[in-house]
């Protein structure tokens, strides 16, 4: 199991389009992936659960990955949050 805390840099938060991109990326992996904000937890492969977390710009989220491809999954999701989504025109 790998746990990483990241700060959201996307100005519009993890809503609508950025959330859809995050979910589609998470679905590529076999590992169980969850996202938590404060005490709330969501399945990273379920857009409705992810949206209910209300992740906004500057929020810190914890990404927890457990499974056979956890290293690849966490690396790609961190790259997505830190490098791709901040530059997305959402």
N, C-alpha and C. Protein backbone atom coordinates (compact mmCIF):
# COMPACT_ATOMS: atom_id res chain seq x y z
N UNK A 1 0.85 -1.19 0.00
CA UNK A 1 0.00 0.00 0.00
C UNK A 1 0.89 1.24 0.00
N UNK A 2 0.49 2.21 -0.82
CA UNK A 2 1.22 3.47 -0.91
C UNK A 2 0.24 4.61 -0.62
N UNK A 3 0.66 5.52 0.25
CA UNK A 3 -0.14 6.72 0.58
C UNK A 3 0.68 7.96 0.28
N UNK A 4 0.07 8.90 -0.44
CA UNK A 4 0.75 10.14 -0.75
C UNK A 4 -0.22 11.30 -0.56
N UNK A 5 0.26 12.39 0.03
CA UNK A 5 -0.55 13.60 0.17
C UNK A 5 -0.07 14.60 -0.86
N UNK A 6 -1.02 15.15 -1.62
CA UNK A 6 -0.70 16.16 -2.63
C UNK A 6 -1.62 17.35 -2.47
N UNK A 7 -1.12 18.50 -2.90
CA UNK A 7 -1.90 19.74 -2.85
C UNK A 7 -2.42 20.04 -4.25
N UNK A 8 -3.70 20.31 -4.36
CA UNK A 8 -4.31 20.56 -5.66
C UNK A 8 -3.94 21.94 -6.16
N UNK A 9 -3.37 22.00 -7.37
CA UNK A 9 -2.92 23.25 -7.96
C UNK A 9 -3.85 23.74 -9.06
N UNK A 10 -4.85 22.95 -9.42
CA UNK A 10 -5.78 23.34 -10.48
C UNK A 10 -6.72 24.41 -9.94
N UNK A 11 -6.78 25.56 -10.60
CA UNK A 11 -7.57 26.70 -10.12
C UNK A 11 -9.06 26.38 -9.96
N UNK A 12 -9.59 25.44 -10.74
CA UNK A 12 -11.01 25.12 -10.63
C UNK A 12 -11.26 23.92 -9.72
N UNK A 13 -10.22 23.43 -9.07
CA UNK A 13 -10.39 22.30 -8.19
C UNK A 13 -10.54 21.00 -8.97
N UNK A 14 -10.97 19.97 -8.28
CA UNK A 14 -11.17 18.67 -8.91
C UNK A 14 -12.66 18.49 -9.17
N UNK A 15 -13.16 19.28 -10.10
CA UNK A 15 -14.57 19.27 -10.44
C UNK A 15 -14.72 18.94 -11.92
N UNK A 16 -15.87 18.43 -12.30
CA UNK A 16 -16.25 18.14 -13.68
C UNK A 16 -15.13 17.53 -14.52
N UNK A 17 -14.59 18.30 -15.45
CA UNK A 17 -13.61 17.76 -16.40
C UNK A 17 -12.33 17.24 -15.72
N UNK A 18 -11.71 17.98 -14.81
CA UNK A 18 -10.51 17.44 -14.15
C UNK A 18 -10.82 16.14 -13.38
N UNK A 19 -11.99 16.07 -12.76
CA UNK A 19 -12.37 14.85 -12.03
C UNK A 19 -12.54 13.69 -12.99
N UNK A 20 -13.15 13.95 -14.14
CA UNK A 20 -13.34 12.90 -15.14
C UNK A 20 -11.99 12.37 -15.64
N UNK A 21 -11.03 13.27 -15.85
CA UNK A 21 -9.70 12.86 -16.28
C UNK A 21 -9.04 12.01 -15.19
N UNK A 22 -9.18 12.43 -13.95
CA UNK A 22 -8.60 11.70 -12.82
C UNK A 22 -9.20 10.29 -12.73
N UNK A 23 -10.53 10.19 -12.84
CA UNK A 23 -11.22 8.90 -12.75
C UNK A 23 -10.80 7.99 -13.90
N UNK A 24 -10.75 8.50 -15.11
CA UNK A 24 -10.34 7.69 -16.26
C UNK A 24 -8.91 7.19 -16.10
N UNK A 25 -8.05 8.01 -15.54
CA UNK A 25 -6.67 7.58 -15.28
C UNK A 25 -6.65 6.48 -14.23
N UNK A 26 -7.40 6.64 -13.16
CA UNK A 26 -7.45 5.64 -12.09
C UNK A 26 -7.99 4.30 -12.60
N UNK A 27 -8.94 4.34 -13.51
CA UNK A 27 -9.55 3.12 -14.03
C UNK A 27 -8.59 2.28 -14.87
N UNK A 28 -7.49 2.86 -15.29
CA UNK A 28 -6.51 2.12 -16.09
C UNK A 28 -5.75 1.08 -15.26
N UNK A 29 -5.85 1.20 -13.94
CA UNK A 29 -5.06 0.34 -13.05
C UNK A 29 -5.94 -0.67 -12.33
N UNK A 30 -5.33 -1.82 -12.02
CA UNK A 30 -6.04 -2.89 -11.30
C UNK A 30 -6.13 -2.61 -9.81
N UNK A 31 -5.21 -1.83 -9.29
CA UNK A 31 -5.14 -1.54 -7.86
C UNK A 31 -6.40 -0.83 -7.37
N UNK A 32 -6.66 -1.02 -6.08
CA UNK A 32 -7.72 -0.26 -5.41
C UNK A 32 -7.15 1.12 -5.13
N UNK A 33 -7.88 2.17 -5.57
CA UNK A 33 -7.40 3.53 -5.39
C UNK A 33 -8.48 4.35 -4.69
N UNK A 34 -8.10 4.97 -3.59
CA UNK A 34 -9.03 5.84 -2.88
C UNK A 34 -8.41 7.22 -2.72
N UNK A 35 -9.29 8.20 -2.57
CA UNK A 35 -8.88 9.58 -2.34
C UNK A 35 -9.57 10.05 -1.08
N UNK A 36 -8.83 10.72 -0.22
CA UNK A 36 -9.47 11.25 0.98
C UNK A 36 -9.16 12.74 1.13
N UNK A 37 -10.17 13.43 1.62
CA UNK A 37 -10.03 14.85 1.96
C UNK A 37 -10.59 14.97 3.37
N UNK A 38 -9.74 15.40 4.27
CA UNK A 38 -10.08 15.45 5.68
C UNK A 38 -10.50 14.04 6.11
N UNK A 39 -11.72 13.84 6.57
CA UNK A 39 -12.13 12.50 7.02
C UNK A 39 -13.02 11.78 6.01
N UNK A 40 -13.22 12.39 4.85
CA UNK A 40 -14.08 11.79 3.84
C UNK A 40 -13.24 11.01 2.83
N UNK A 41 -13.76 9.85 2.41
CA UNK A 41 -13.04 8.97 1.52
C UNK A 41 -13.91 8.63 0.31
N UNK A 42 -13.27 8.56 -0.86
CA UNK A 42 -13.99 8.22 -2.09
C UNK A 42 -13.19 7.22 -2.91
N UNK A 43 -13.90 6.39 -3.65
CA UNK A 43 -13.30 5.50 -4.63
C UNK A 43 -12.86 6.36 -5.81
N UNK A 44 -11.59 6.33 -6.15
CA UNK A 44 -11.05 7.18 -7.22
C UNK A 44 -11.56 6.78 -8.60
N UNK A 45 -12.21 5.63 -8.69
CA UNK A 45 -12.74 5.17 -9.97
C UNK A 45 -14.23 5.47 -10.11
N UNK A 46 -14.77 6.21 -9.15
CA UNK A 46 -16.19 6.56 -9.14
C UNK A 46 -16.32 8.08 -9.13
N UNK A 47 -16.74 8.65 -10.25
CA UNK A 47 -16.77 10.12 -10.36
C UNK A 47 -17.73 10.76 -9.36
N UNK A 48 -18.86 10.14 -9.09
CA UNK A 48 -19.81 10.74 -8.14
C UNK A 48 -19.22 10.81 -6.75
N UNK A 49 -18.56 9.73 -6.33
CA UNK A 49 -17.92 9.74 -5.02
C UNK A 49 -16.82 10.79 -4.96
N UNK A 50 -16.03 10.88 -6.02
CA UNK A 50 -14.94 11.85 -6.05
C UNK A 50 -15.46 13.28 -5.98
N UNK A 51 -16.51 13.56 -6.73
CA UNK A 51 -17.09 14.91 -6.73
C UNK A 51 -17.67 15.29 -5.37
N UNK A 52 -18.19 14.31 -4.63
CA UNK A 52 -18.78 14.62 -3.32
C UNK A 52 -17.74 15.08 -2.30
N UNK A 53 -16.45 14.82 -2.58
CA UNK A 53 -15.41 15.30 -1.67
C UNK A 53 -15.26 16.82 -1.72
N UNK A 54 -15.70 17.44 -2.81
CA UNK A 54 -15.62 18.90 -2.92
C UNK A 54 -14.19 19.40 -2.87
N UNK A 55 -13.32 18.83 -3.67
CA UNK A 55 -11.91 19.19 -3.66
C UNK A 55 -11.70 20.48 -4.43
N UNK A 56 -11.20 21.50 -3.74
CA UNK A 56 -11.00 22.82 -4.32
C UNK A 56 -9.51 23.14 -4.43
N UNK A 57 -9.22 24.23 -5.14
CA UNK A 57 -7.86 24.71 -5.31
C UNK A 57 -7.20 24.87 -3.93
N UNK A 58 -6.00 24.35 -3.81
CA UNK A 58 -5.24 24.47 -2.57
C UNK A 58 -5.51 23.40 -1.54
N UNK A 59 -6.54 22.59 -1.76
CA UNK A 59 -6.85 21.51 -0.81
C UNK A 59 -5.77 20.43 -0.87
N UNK A 60 -5.50 19.84 0.27
CA UNK A 60 -4.62 18.69 0.31
C UNK A 60 -5.47 17.44 0.32
N UNK A 61 -5.11 16.51 -0.55
CA UNK A 61 -5.82 15.23 -0.61
C UNK A 61 -4.80 14.11 -0.42
N UNK A 62 -5.29 13.01 0.07
CA UNK A 62 -4.45 11.83 0.23
C UNK A 62 -4.90 10.82 -0.81
N UNK A 63 -3.96 10.29 -1.57
CA UNK A 63 -4.24 9.24 -2.54
C UNK A 63 -3.65 7.96 -1.97
N UNK A 64 -4.51 6.93 -1.85
CA UNK A 64 -4.09 5.66 -1.29
C UNK A 64 -4.27 4.59 -2.37
N UNK A 65 -3.20 3.87 -2.67
CA UNK A 65 -3.23 2.86 -3.73
C UNK A 65 -2.73 1.54 -3.16
N UNK A 66 -3.49 0.47 -3.45
CA UNK A 66 -3.11 -0.85 -2.96
C UNK A 66 -3.38 -1.88 -4.05
N UNK A 67 -2.31 -2.57 -4.46
CA UNK A 67 -2.49 -3.60 -5.46
C UNK A 67 -1.22 -3.85 -6.25
N UNK A 68 -1.35 -4.72 -7.24
CA UNK A 68 -0.19 -5.18 -7.99
C UNK A 68 0.51 -4.10 -8.82
N UNK A 69 -0.24 -3.08 -9.25
CA UNK A 69 0.36 -2.02 -10.06
C UNK A 69 0.35 -0.67 -9.33
N UNK A 70 0.45 -0.75 -8.00
CA UNK A 70 0.32 0.46 -7.17
C UNK A 70 1.39 1.51 -7.45
N UNK A 71 2.61 1.09 -7.72
CA UNK A 71 3.68 2.07 -7.97
C UNK A 71 3.41 2.86 -9.24
N UNK A 72 3.03 2.17 -10.30
CA UNK A 72 2.72 2.86 -11.55
C UNK A 72 1.50 3.76 -11.38
N UNK A 73 0.50 3.27 -10.66
CA UNK A 73 -0.73 4.04 -10.46
C UNK A 73 -0.45 5.32 -9.70
N UNK A 74 0.27 5.23 -8.59
CA UNK A 74 0.51 6.42 -7.78
C UNK A 74 1.37 7.42 -8.54
N UNK A 75 2.36 6.92 -9.27
CA UNK A 75 3.21 7.83 -10.04
C UNK A 75 2.42 8.58 -11.10
N UNK A 76 1.54 7.87 -11.80
CA UNK A 76 0.76 8.53 -12.85
C UNK A 76 -0.25 9.51 -12.27
N UNK A 77 -0.88 9.16 -11.15
CA UNK A 77 -1.86 10.07 -10.54
C UNK A 77 -1.19 11.31 -9.96
N UNK A 78 -0.03 11.17 -9.37
CA UNK A 78 0.70 12.32 -8.86
C UNK A 78 1.10 13.23 -10.03
N UNK A 79 1.61 12.63 -11.09
CA UNK A 79 1.98 13.40 -12.28
C UNK A 79 0.76 14.15 -12.82
N UNK A 80 -0.37 13.50 -12.83
CA UNK A 80 -1.60 14.13 -13.31
C UNK A 80 -1.95 15.34 -12.45
N UNK A 81 -1.97 15.18 -11.15
CA UNK A 81 -2.34 16.27 -10.22
C UNK A 81 -1.33 17.41 -10.27
N UNK A 82 -0.04 17.09 -10.28
CA UNK A 82 0.98 18.13 -10.16
C UNK A 82 1.39 18.78 -11.48
N UNK A 83 1.32 18.03 -12.58
CA UNK A 83 1.87 18.56 -13.83
C UNK A 83 0.86 18.77 -14.94
N UNK A 84 -0.14 17.92 -15.03
CA UNK A 84 -1.08 18.02 -16.16
C UNK A 84 -2.28 18.87 -15.82
N UNK A 85 -2.98 18.55 -14.76
CA UNK A 85 -4.21 19.28 -14.45
C UNK A 85 -4.02 20.77 -14.19
N UNK A 86 -2.92 21.21 -13.57
CA UNK A 86 -2.77 22.65 -13.38
C UNK A 86 -2.74 23.44 -14.69
N UNK A 87 -2.29 22.79 -15.76
CA UNK A 87 -2.20 23.51 -17.03
C UNK A 87 -3.41 23.29 -17.92
N UNK A 88 -4.33 22.43 -17.48
CA UNK A 88 -5.55 22.19 -18.26
C UNK A 88 -6.39 23.46 -18.31
N UNK A 89 -6.96 23.71 -19.42
CA UNK A 89 -7.86 24.85 -19.60
C UNK A 89 -9.27 24.39 -19.29
N UNK A 90 -9.66 24.46 -18.02
CA UNK A 90 -10.96 23.95 -17.59
C UNK A 90 -11.94 25.06 -17.30
